[in-house]
Amino acid sequence: MTDALPAGIPDDLAWQRAAPEDANGSGPWIEIAYGDSELVYLRETSAPDTVVTTTRTKWEAFARGIQAGEFDHFVDGV
């Protein structure tokens, strides 16, 4: 992992790993952080210096879509 984030990304974000509770090792997992503004930051543990952003509104709509099964067709075997 690198210590430096890309320019414009706050360095005090509290990253939360989206991984199963019993998961061991460094993944690769998705990590999510909420900024002070309307922005939500996402990155992979395997590439922490690559960060994408979205808005809280769009992130919440995406999360609701996952819960509703709207993206199940993207998963093998579903």
PDB file of N, CA and C in Angstrom:
ATOM      1  N   MET A   1       0.831  -1.183   0.000  1.00  0.00           N
ATOM      2  CA  MET A   1       0.000   0.000   0.000  1.00  0.00           C
ATOM      3  C   MET A   1       0.874   1.243   0.000  1.00  0.00           C
ATOM      4  N   THR A   2       0.361   2.258  -0.660  1.00  0.00           N
ATOM      5  CA  THR A   2       1.074   3.522  -0.621  1.00  0.00           C
ATOM      6  C   THR A   2       0.457   4.402   0.448  1.00  0.00           C
ATOM      7  N   ASP A   3       1.225   5.353   0.934  1.00  0.00           N
ATOM      8  CA  ASP A   3       0.730   6.262   1.960  1.00  0.00           C
ATOM      9  C   ASP A   3       0.110   7.519   1.375  1.00  0.00           C
ATOM     10  N   ALA A   4       0.494   7.883   0.174  1.00  0.00           N
ATOM     11  CA  ALA A   4       0.021   9.122  -0.430  1.00  0.00           C
ATOM     12  C   ALA A   4      -1.203   8.857  -1.300  1.00  0.00           C
ATOM     13  N   LEU A   5      -2.241   9.652  -1.075  1.00  0.00           N
ATOM     14  CA  LEU A   5      -3.439   9.574  -1.901  1.00  0.00           C
ATOM     15  C   LEU A   5      -3.302  10.565  -3.050  1.00  0.00           C
ATOM     16  N   PRO A   6      -4.062  10.354  -4.127  1.00  0.00           N
ATOM     17  CA  PRO A   6      -4.013  11.299  -5.243  1.00  0.00           C
ATOM     18  C   PRO A   6      -4.399  12.708  -4.797  1.00  0.00           C
ATOM     19  N   ALA A   7      -3.935  13.678  -5.530  1.00  0.00           N
ATOM     20  CA  ALA A   7      -4.244  15.081  -5.228  1.00  0.00           C
ATOM     21  C   ALA A   7      -5.755  15.276  -5.179  1.00  0.00           C
ATOM     22  N   GLY A   8      -6.207  16.037  -4.198  1.00  0.00           N
ATOM     23  CA  GLY A   8      -7.625  16.326  -4.073  1.00  0.00           C
ATOM     24  C   GLY A   8      -8.392  15.349  -3.198  1.00  0.00           C
ATOM     25  N   ILE A   9      -7.762  14.242  -2.809  1.00  0.00           N
ATOM     26  CA  ILE A   9      -8.408  13.257  -1.943  1.00  0.00           C
ATOM     27  C   ILE A   9      -7.979  13.558  -0.509  1.00  0.00           C
ATOM     28  N   PRO A  10      -8.938  13.791   0.390  1.00  0.00           N
ATOM     29  CA  PRO A  10      -8.558  14.094   1.778  1.00  0.00           C
ATOM     30  C   PRO A  10      -7.729  12.963   2.383  1.00  0.00           C
ATOM     31  N   ASP A  11      -6.721  13.318   3.178  1.00  0.00           N
ATOM     32  CA  ASP A  11      -5.861  12.290   3.769  1.00  0.00           C
ATOM     33  C   ASP A  11      -6.363  11.822   5.131  1.00  0.00           C
ATOM     34  N   ASP A  12      -7.485  12.362   5.591  1.00  0.00           N
ATOM     35  CA  ASP A  12      -8.007  11.972   6.899  1.00  0.00           C
ATOM     36  C   ASP A  12      -9.293  11.146   6.801  1.00  0.00           C
ATOM     37  N   LEU A  13      -9.518  10.500   5.665  1.00  0.00           N
ATOM     38  CA  LEU A  13     -10.722   9.692   5.495  1.00  0.00           C
ATOM     39  C   LEU A  13     -10.665   8.438   6.362  1.00  0.00           C
ATOM     40  N   ALA A  14     -11.799   8.027   6.865  1.00  0.00           N
ATOM     41  CA  ALA A  14     -11.917   6.790   7.645  1.00  0.00           C
ATOM     42  C   ALA A  14     -12.442   5.703   6.719  1.00  0.00           C
ATOM     43  N   TRP A  15     -11.522   4.906   6.172  1.00  0.00           N
ATOM     44  CA  TRP A  15     -11.878   3.870   5.206  1.00  0.00           C
ATOM     45  C   TRP A  15     -12.508   2.672   5.917  1.00  0.00           C
ATOM     46  N   GLN A  16     -13.605   2.169   5.333  1.00  0.00           N
ATOM     47  CA  GLN A  16     -14.276   0.970   5.838  1.00  0.00           C
ATOM     48  C   GLN A  16     -14.159  -0.110   4.785  1.00  0.00           C
ATOM     49  N   ARG A  17     -13.661  -1.268   5.185  1.00  0.00           N
ATOM     50  CA  ARG A  17     -13.486  -2.377   4.252  1.00  0.00           C
ATOM     51  C   ARG A  17     -14.798  -3.143   4.115  1.00  0.00           C
ATOM     52  N   ALA A  18     -15.209  -3.373   2.891  1.00  0.00           N
ATOM     53  CA  ALA A  18     -16.393  -4.176   2.602  1.00  0.00           C
ATOM     54  C   ALA A  18     -15.918  -5.597   2.325  1.00  0.00           C
ATOM     55  N   ALA A  19     -15.833  -6.389   3.381  1.00  0.00           N
ATOM     56  CA  ALA A  19     -15.356  -7.767   3.284  1.00  0.00           C
ATOM     57  C   ALA A  19     -16.147  -8.617   4.276  1.00  0.00           C
ATOM     58  N   PRO A  20     -16.251  -9.912   4.011  1.00  0.00           N
ATOM     59  CA  PRO A  20     -16.917 -10.781   4.983  1.00  0.00           C
ATOM     60  C   PRO A  20     -16.225 -10.705   6.341  1.00  0.00           C
ATOM     61  N   GLU A  21     -16.998 -10.845   7.409  1.00  0.00           N
ATOM     62  CA  GLU A  21     -16.438 -10.740   8.759  1.00  0.00           C
ATOM     63  C   GLU A  21     -15.306 -11.722   9.016  1.00  0.00           C
ATOM     64  N   ASP A  22     -15.384 -12.902   8.421  1.00  0.00           N
ATOM     65  CA  ASP A  22     -14.375 -13.929   8.654  1.00  0.00           C
ATOM     66  C   ASP A  22     -13.238 -13.883   7.626  1.00  0.00           C
ATOM     67  N   ALA A  23     -13.199 -12.834   6.814  1.00  0.00           N
ATOM     68  CA  ALA A  23     -12.183 -12.720   5.771  1.00  0.00           C
ATOM     69  C   ALA A  23     -10.809 -12.485   6.382  1.00  0.00           C
ATOM     70  N   ASN A  24      -9.844 -13.208   5.881  1.00  0.00           N
ATOM     71  CA  ASN A  24      -8.452 -13.039   6.294  1.00  0.00           C
ATOM     72  C   ASN A  24      -7.663 -12.445   5.146  1.00  0.00           C
ATOM     73  N   GLY A  25      -6.597 -11.765   5.474  1.00  0.00           N
ATOM     74  CA  GLY A  25      -5.720 -11.226   4.440  1.00  0.00           C
ATOM     75  C   GLY A  25      -6.187  -9.887   3.930  1.00  0.00           C
ATOM     76  N   SER A  26      -5.497  -9.423   2.923  1.00  0.00           N
ATOM     77  CA  SER A  26      -5.728  -8.068   2.413  1.00  0.00           C
ATOM     78  C   SER A  26      -6.701  -8.005   1.245  1.00  0.00           C
ATOM     79  N   GLY A  27      -7.314  -9.100   0.917  1.00  0.00           N
ATOM     80  CA  GLY A  27      -8.340  -9.056  -0.141  1.00  0.00           C
ATOM     81  C   GLY A  27      -7.839  -9.502  -1.489  1.00  0.00           C
ATOM     82  N   PRO A  28      -8.324  -8.968  -2.536  1.00  0.00           N
ATOM     83  CA  PRO A  28      -8.749  -7.590  -2.742  1.00  0.00           C
ATOM     84  C   PRO A  28     -10.178  -7.345  -2.260  1.00  0.00           C
ATOM     85  N   TRP A  29     -10.364  -6.248  -1.571  1.00  0.00           N
ATOM     86  CA  TRP A  29     -11.661  -5.816  -1.080  1.00  0.00           C
ATOM     87  C   TRP A  29     -11.894  -4.374  -1.520  1.00  0.00           C
ATOM     88  N   ILE A  30     -13.140  -3.987  -1.473  1.00  0.00           N
ATOM     89  CA  ILE A  30     -13.491  -2.594  -1.720  1.00  0.00           C
ATOM     90  C   ILE A  30     -13.482  -1.863  -0.386  1.00  0.00           C
ATOM     91  N   GLU A  31     -12.963  -0.654  -0.390  1.00  0.00           N
ATOM     92  CA  GLU A  31     -12.996   0.194   0.793  1.00  0.00           C
ATOM     93  C   GLU A  31     -13.782   1.459   0.459  1.00  0.00           C
ATOM     94  N   ILE A  32     -14.581   1.916   1.418  1.00  0.00           N
ATOM     95  CA  ILE A  32     -15.468   3.053   1.227  1.00  0.00           C
ATOM     96  C   ILE A  32     -15.198   4.072   2.326  1.00  0.00           C
ATOM     97  N   ALA A  33     -15.209   5.348   1.970  1.00  0.00           N
ATOM     98  CA  ALA A  33     -15.051   6.417   2.961  1.00  0.00           C
ATOM     99  C   ALA A  33     -16.006   7.554   2.602  1.00  0.00           C
ATOM    100  N   TYR A  34     -16.614   8.116   3.633  1.00  0.00           N
ATOM    101  CA  TYR A  34     -17.489   9.273   3.454  1.00  0.00           C
ATOM    102  C   TYR A  34     -16.702  10.529   3.762  1.00  0.00           C
ATOM    103  N   GLY A  35     -16.732  11.477   2.835  1.00  0.00           N
ATOM    104  CA  GLY A  35     -16.052  12.744   3.044  1.00  0.00           C
ATOM    105  C   GLY A  35     -16.922  13.716   3.816  1.00  0.00           C
ATOM    106  N   ASP A  36     -16.353  14.868   4.147  1.00  0.00           N
ATOM    107  CA  ASP A  36     -17.093  15.900   4.855  1.00  0.00           C
ATOM    108  C   ASP A  36     -18.185  16.506   3.988  1.00  0.00           C
ATOM    109  N   SER A  37     -17.988  16.454   2.702  1.00  0.00           N
ATOM    110  CA  SER A  37     -18.958  17.014   1.764  1.00  0.00           C
ATOM    111  C   SER A  37     -19.919  15.912   1.321  1.00  0.00           C
ATOM    112  N   GLU A  38     -20.508  16.080   0.207  1.00  0.00           N
ATOM    113  CA  GLU A  38     -21.465  15.124  -0.361  1.00  0.00           C
ATOM    114  C   GLU A  38     -20.751  13.932  -1.010  1.00  0.00           C
ATOM    115  N   LEU A  39     -19.423  13.893  -1.008  1.00  0.00           N
ATOM    116  CA  LEU A  39     -18.700  12.865  -1.735  1.00  0.00           C
ATOM    117  C   LEU A  39     -18.496  11.583  -0.937  1.00  0.00           C
ATOM    118  N   VAL A  40     -18.539  10.465  -1.683  1.00  0.00           N
ATOM    119  CA  VAL A  40     -18.203   9.139  -1.169  1.00  0.00           C
ATOM    120  C   VAL A  40     -17.007   8.670  -1.999  1.00  0.00           C
ATOM    121  N   TYR A  41     -15.995   8.119  -1.325  1.00  0.00           N
ATOM    122  CA  TYR A  41     -14.761   7.679  -1.973  1.00  0.00           C
ATOM    123  C   TYR A  41     -14.701   6.158  -1.947  1.00  0.00           C
ATOM    124  N   LEU A  42     -14.260   5.560  -3.057  1.00  0.00           N
ATOM    125  CA  LEU A  42     -14.125   4.114  -3.155  1.00  0.00           C
ATOM    126  C   LEU A  42     -12.753   3.768  -3.703  1.00  0.00           C
ATOM    127  N   ARG A  43     -12.206   2.657  -3.193  1.00  0.00           N
ATOM    128  CA  ARG A  43     -10.921   2.162  -3.698  1.00  0.00           C
ATOM    129  C   ARG A  43     -10.851   0.664  -3.430  1.00  0.00           C
ATOM    130  N   GLU A  44      -9.911   0.007  -4.087  1.00  0.00           N
ATOM    131  CA  GLU A  44      -9.632  -1.409  -3.831  1.00  0.00           C
ATOM    132  C   GLU A  44      -8.416  -1.499  -2.930  1.00  0.00           C
ATOM    133  N   THR A  45      -8.411  -2.499  -2.041  1.00  0.00           N
ATOM    134  CA  THR A  45      -7.250  -2.668  -1.172  1.00  0.00           C
ATOM    135  C   THR A  45      -5.997  -2.975  -1.981  1.00  0.00           C
ATOM    136  N   SER A  46      -6.160  -3.591  -3.146  1.00  0.00           N
ATOM    137  CA  SER A  46      -4.998  -3.931  -3.962  1.00  0.00           C
ATOM    138  C   SER A  46      -4.460  -2.734  -4.743  1.00  0.00           C
ATOM    139  N   ALA A  47      -5.217  -1.640  -4.812  1.00  0.00           N
ATOM    140  CA  ALA A  47      -4.771  -0.433  -5.523  1.00  0.00           C
ATOM    141  C   ALA A  47      -5.272   0.802  -4.778  1.00  0.00           C
ATOM    142  N   PRO A  48      -4.790   1.023  -3.555  1.00  0.00           N
ATOM    143  CA  PRO A  48      -5.332   2.099  -2.726  1.00  0.00           C
ATOM    144  C   PRO A  48      -5.075   3.513  -3.237  1.00  0.00           C
ATOM    145  N   ASP A  49      -4.160   3.661  -4.181  1.00  0.00           N
ATOM    146  CA  ASP A  49      -3.898   4.989  -4.715  1.00  0.00           C
ATOM    147  C   ASP A  49      -4.816   5.332  -5.887  1.00  0.00           C
ATOM    148  N   THR A  50      -5.677   4.399  -6.291  1.00  0.00           N
ATOM    149  CA  THR A  50      -6.685   4.659  -7.311  1.00  0.00           C
ATOM    150  C   THR A  50      -8.019   4.815  -6.592  1.00  0.00           C
ATOM    151  N   VAL A  51      -8.521   6.029  -6.564  1.00  0.00           N
ATOM    152  CA  VAL A  51      -9.737   6.352  -5.820  1.00  0.00           C
ATOM    153  C   VAL A  51     -10.763   6.920  -6.787  1.00  0.00           C
ATOM    154  N   VAL A  52     -11.979   6.415  -6.695  1.00  0.00           N
ATOM    155  CA  VAL A  52     -13.081   6.980  -7.469  1.00  0.00           C
ATOM    156  C   VAL A  52     -14.064   7.627  -6.502  1.00  0.00           C
ATOM    157  N   THR A  53     -14.800   8.583  -6.986  1.00  0.00           N
ATOM    158  CA  THR A  53     -15.766   9.278  -6.139  1.00  0.00           C
ATOM    159  C   THR A  53     -17.150   9.235  -6.760  1.00  0.00           C
ATOM    160  N   THR A  54     -18.133   9.353  -5.897  1.00  0.00           N
ATOM    161  CA  THR A  54     -19.517   9.503  -6.305  1.00  0.00           C
ATOM    162  C   THR A  54     -20.186  10.361  -5.239  1.00  0.00           C
ATOM    163  N   THR A  55     -21.437  10.656  -5.414  1.00  0.00           N
ATOM    164  CA  THR A  55     -22.156  11.423  -4.411  1.00  0.00           C
ATOM    165  C   THR A  55     -22.863  10.473  -3.453  1.00  0.00           C
ATOM    166  N   ARG A  56     -23.199  10.970  -2.279  1.00  0.00           N
ATOM    167  CA  ARG A  56     -23.937  10.149  -1.309  1.00  0.00           C
ATOM    168  C   ARG A  56     -25.274   9.720  -1.887  1.00  0.00           C
ATOM    169  N   THR A  57     -25.933  10.589  -2.617  1.00  0.00           N
ATOM    170  CA  THR A  57     -27.229  10.258  -3.216  1.00  0.00           C
ATOM    171  C   THR A  57     -27.090   9.092  -4.187  1.00  0.00           C
ATOM    172  N   LYS A  58     -26.096   9.152  -5.055  1.00  0.00           N
ATOM    173  CA  LYS A  58     -25.885   8.062  -6.025  1.00  0.00           C
ATOM    174  C   LYS A  58     -25.439   6.784  -5.328  1.00  0.00           C
ATOM    175  N   TRP A  59     -24.580   6.904  -4.308  1.00  0.00           N
ATOM    176  CA  TRP A  59     -24.117   5.725  -3.577  1.00  0.00           C
ATOM    177  C   TRP A  59     -25.285   5.034  -2.873  1.00  0.00           C
ATOM    178  N   GLU A  60     -26.156   5.811  -2.231  1.00  0.00           N
ATOM    179  CA  GLU A  60     -27.307   5.236  -1.544  1.00  0.00           C
ATOM    180  C   GLU A  60     -28.268   4.582  -2.526  1.00  0.00           C
ATOM    181  N   ALA A  61     -28.457   5.170  -3.707  1.00  0.00           N
ATOM    182  CA  ALA A  61     -29.304   4.552  -4.732  1.00  0.00           C
ATOM    183  C   ALA A  61     -28.684   3.231  -5.203  1.00  0.00           C
ATOM    184  N   PHE A  62     -27.370   3.207  -5.376  1.00  0.00           N
ATOM    185  CA  PHE A  62     -26.678   1.977  -5.768  1.00  0.00           C
ATOM    186  C   PHE A  62     -26.836   0.897  -4.699  1.00  0.00           C
ATOM    187  N   ALA A  63     -26.644   1.269  -3.431  1.00  0.00           N
ATOM    188  CA  ALA A  63     -26.779   0.301  -2.339  1.00  0.00           C
ATOM    189  C   ALA A  63     -28.210  -0.252  -2.273  1.00  0.00           C
ATOM    190  N   ARG A  64     -29.199   0.605  -2.463  1.00  0.00           N
ATOM    191  CA  ARG A  64     -30.593   0.124  -2.483  1.00  0.00           C
ATOM    192  C   ARG A  64     -30.825  -0.819  -3.651  1.00  0.00           C
ATOM    193  N   GLY A  65     -30.216  -0.521  -4.796  1.00  0.00           N
ATOM    194  CA  GLY A  65     -30.337  -1.404  -5.959  1.00  0.00           C
ATOM    195  C   GLY A  65     -29.727  -2.772  -5.699  1.00  0.00           C
ATOM    196  N   ILE A  66     -28.596  -2.806  -4.995  1.00  0.00           N
ATOM    197  CA  ILE A  66     -27.980  -4.086  -4.632  1.00  0.00           C
ATOM    198  C   ILE A  66     -28.919  -4.867  -3.730  1.00  0.00           C
ATOM    199  N   GLN A  67     -29.452  -4.210  -2.708  1.00  0.00           N
ATOM    200  CA  GLN A  67     -30.373  -4.878  -1.781  1.00  0.00           C
ATOM    201  C   GLN A  67     -31.606  -5.412  -2.507  1.00  0.00           C
ATOM    202  N   ALA A  68     -32.058  -4.723  -3.534  1.00  0.00           N
ATOM    203  CA  ALA A  68     -33.241  -5.128  -4.282  1.00  0.00           C
ATOM    204  C   ALA A  68     -32.944  -6.194  -5.336  1.00  0.00           C
ATOM    205  N   GLY A  69     -31.663  -6.540  -5.513  1.00  0.00           N
ATOM    206  CA  GLY A  69     -31.299  -7.567  -6.483  1.00  0.00           C
ATOM    207  C   GLY A  69     -31.175  -7.063  -7.907  1.00  0.00           C
ATOM    208  N   GLU A  70     -31.133  -5.758  -8.108  1.00  0.00           N
ATOM    209  CA  GLU A  70     -31.084  -5.194  -9.448  1.00  0.00           C
ATOM    210  C   GLU A  70     -29.796  -5.500 -10.209  1.00  0.00           C
ATOM    211  N   PHE A  71     -28.762  -5.926  -9.498  1.00  0.00           N
ATOM    212  CA  PHE A  71     -27.474  -6.187 -10.146  1.00  0.00           C
ATOM    213  C   PHE A  71     -27.075  -7.656 -10.086  1.00  0.00           C
ATOM    214  N   ASP A  72     -27.992  -8.513  -9.682  1.00  0.00           N
ATOM    215  CA  ASP A  72     -27.682  -9.934  -9.544  1.00  0.00           C
ATOM    216  C   ASP A  72     -27.213 -10.571 -10.849  1.00  0.00           C
ATOM    217  N   HIS A  73     -27.670 -10.055 -11.966  1.00  0.00           N
ATOM    218  CA  HIS A  73     -27.276 -10.629 -13.263  1.00  0.00           C
ATOM    219  C   HIS A  73     -25.789 -10.427 -13.570  1.00  0.00           C
ATOM    220  N   PHE A  74     -25.114  -9.568 -12.815  1.00  0.00           N
ATOM    221  CA  PHE A  74     -23.674  -9.376 -12.988  1.00  0.00           C
ATOM    222  C   PHE A  74     -22.833 -10.410 -12.253  1.00  0.00           C
ATOM    223  N   VAL A  75     -23.461 -11.213 -11.400  1.00  0.00           N
ATOM    224  CA  VAL A  75     -22.747 -12.175 -10.569  1.00  0.00           C
ATOM    225  C   VAL A  75     -22.859 -13.566 -11.197  1.00  0.00           C
ATOM    226  N   ASP A  76     -21.727 -14.253 -11.350  1.00  0.00           N
ATOM    227  CA  ASP A  76     -21.738 -15.612 -11.888  1.00  0.00           C
ATOM    228  C   ASP A  76     -22.579 -16.528 -11.012  1.00  0.00           C
ATOM    229  N   GLY A  77     -23.392 -17.362 -11.633  1.00  0.00           N
ATOM    230  CA  GLY A  77     -24.145 -18.368 -10.898  1.00  0.00           C
ATOM    231  C   GLY A  77     -25.426 -17.867 -10.267  1.00  0.00           C
ATOM    232  N   VAL A  78     -25.798 -16.622 -10.523  1.00  0.00           N
ATOM    233  CA  VAL A  78     -27.044 -16.106  -9.936  1.00  0.00           C
ATOM    234  C   VAL A  78     -28.105 -16.054 -11.000  1.00  0.00           C
TER     235      VAL A  78
END
